Amino acid sequence: MSPDCPQIVHSLCISGRAAATQLEIRKAERLSFRERQVVVLKEMGLSNEAVARRLGVSAATVATLYSRARGKGYEVVIVLPGEALGIPPEEEPAGE
């Protein structure tokens, strides 16, 4: 993992089962530390109010930080394991 492409790992519950998920923020070097925090929490689906409570700031501050971050052109890539999507592992051919 390169320093300009940090990854944050969190848990995602799909169909009642926790699955390891990686959330990668591309172009994160363009964002301030606080903007990165807001982006990660917002991309996880939290409301402005929920993010504000977790970070100890106002919902208006969250909205401003998120708007600024979006204007800086970051990209988010979510990597899910196949099992989380109901894709069974590849079977090895018999006789090997």
Protein backbone atom coordinates (compact mmCIF):
# COMPACT_ATOMS: atom_id res chain seq x y z
CA MET A 1 0.00 0.00 0.00
CA SER A 2 1.50 3.32 -1.00
CA PRO A 3 1.34 6.40 1.27
CA ASP A 4 -0.75 8.32 -1.26
CA CYS A 5 -3.32 5.53 -1.43
CA PRO A 6 -4.27 4.75 2.19
CA GLN A 7 -6.78 2.04 2.95
CA ILE A 8 -9.15 1.84 5.84
CA VAL A 9 -10.49 -1.57 6.79
CA HIS A 10 -13.85 -1.95 8.47
CA SER A 11 -16.48 -4.62 8.92
CA LEU A 12 -19.56 -4.86 6.76
CA CYS A 13 -22.53 -7.02 7.65
CA ILE A 14 -24.12 -8.74 4.67
CA SER A 15 -26.97 -11.22 5.15
CA GLY A 16 -26.32 -11.34 8.88
CA ARG A 17 -22.64 -12.28 8.47
CA ALA A 18 -19.69 -9.98 9.01
CA ALA A 19 -17.39 -9.78 6.00
CA ALA A 20 -13.97 -8.15 5.80
CA THR A 21 -14.20 -5.13 3.56
CA GLN A 22 -11.57 -2.71 2.41
CA LEU A 23 -12.40 0.88 1.69
CA GLU A 24 -9.73 2.57 -0.40
CA ILE A 25 -9.65 6.32 -0.86
CA ARG A 26 -7.80 7.26 -4.02
CA LYS A 27 -6.30 10.74 -4.24
CA ALA A 28 -6.56 10.92 -0.44
CA GLU A 29 -3.39 13.00 -0.34
CA ARG A 30 -5.54 15.89 -1.56
CA LEU A 31 -7.71 15.71 1.57
CA SER A 32 -7.05 17.03 5.05
CA PHE A 33 -7.06 14.53 7.91
CA ARG A 34 -10.52 15.68 9.04
CA GLU A 35 -11.87 15.49 5.47
CA ARG A 36 -10.61 11.89 5.27
CA GLN A 37 -12.42 11.05 8.50
CA VAL A 38 -15.66 12.54 7.21
CA VAL A 39 -15.34 10.84 3.81
CA VAL A 40 -14.82 7.40 5.35
CA LEU A 41 -17.78 7.74 7.69
CA LYS A 42 -20.06 9.20 5.01
CA GLU A 43 -19.06 6.48 2.52
CA MET A 44 -19.95 3.91 5.18
CA GLY A 45 -23.48 5.33 5.05
CA LEU A 46 -23.58 7.49 8.18
CA SER A 47 -25.70 10.63 8.19
CA ASN A 48 -24.19 14.07 8.78
CA GLU A 49 -25.64 13.99 12.29
CA ALA A 50 -24.12 10.58 13.07
CA VAL A 51 -20.72 11.65 11.72
CA ALA A 52 -20.93 14.86 13.76
CA ARG A 53 -21.61 12.93 16.96
CA ARG A 54 -18.67 10.56 16.34
CA LEU A 55 -16.22 13.35 15.56
CA GLY A 56 -17.50 15.88 18.09
CA VAL A 57 -18.34 18.59 15.54
CA SER A 58 -21.57 20.09 14.20
CA ALA A 59 -23.55 18.57 11.34
CA ALA A 60 -22.92 21.82 9.40
CA THR A 61 -19.16 21.29 9.77
CA VAL A 62 -19.54 17.73 8.47
CA ALA A 63 -21.50 19.01 5.46
CA THR A 64 -18.81 21.62 4.74
CA LEU A 65 -15.94 19.14 5.07
CA TYR A 66 -17.70 16.59 2.86
CA SER A 67 -18.46 19.22 0.22
CA ARG A 68 -14.84 20.40 0.21
CA ALA A 69 -13.58 16.82 -0.04
CA ARG A 70 -15.88 16.05 -2.97
CA GLY A 71 -14.61 19.15 -4.73
CA LYS A 72 -11.06 17.82 -4.45
CA GLY A 73 -11.89 14.80 -6.60
CA TYR A 74 -11.22 11.82 -4.34
CA GLU A 75 -12.40 8.37 -5.42
CA VAL A 76 -13.59 5.52 -3.23
CA VAL A 77 -13.16 1.87 -4.12
CA ILE A 78 -14.83 -0.77 -1.98
CA VAL A 79 -13.32 -4.26 -2.16
CA LEU A 80 -15.63 -7.06 -1.03
CA PRO A 81 -14.62 -10.71 -0.76
CA GLY A 82 -16.55 -13.03 -3.07
CA GLU A 83 -18.18 -14.90 -0.19
CA ALA A 84 -19.78 -11.66 0.99
CA LEU A 85 -21.52 -11.48 -2.37
CA GLY A 86 -22.58 -15.14 -2.30
CA ILE A 87 -19.90 -16.25 -4.78
CA PRO A 88 -18.60 -19.69 -3.78
CA PRO A 89 -14.85 -20.31 -3.84
CA GLU A 90 -13.45 -21.86 -6.99
CA GLU A 91 -13.33 -25.64 -6.75
CA GLU A 92 -10.13 -27.42 -7.62
CA PRO A 93 -10.45 -30.01 -10.41
CA ALA A 94 -10.70 -33.61 -9.19
CA GLY A 95 -7.55 -35.69 -9.40
CA GLU A 96 -5.09 -32.95 -8.55
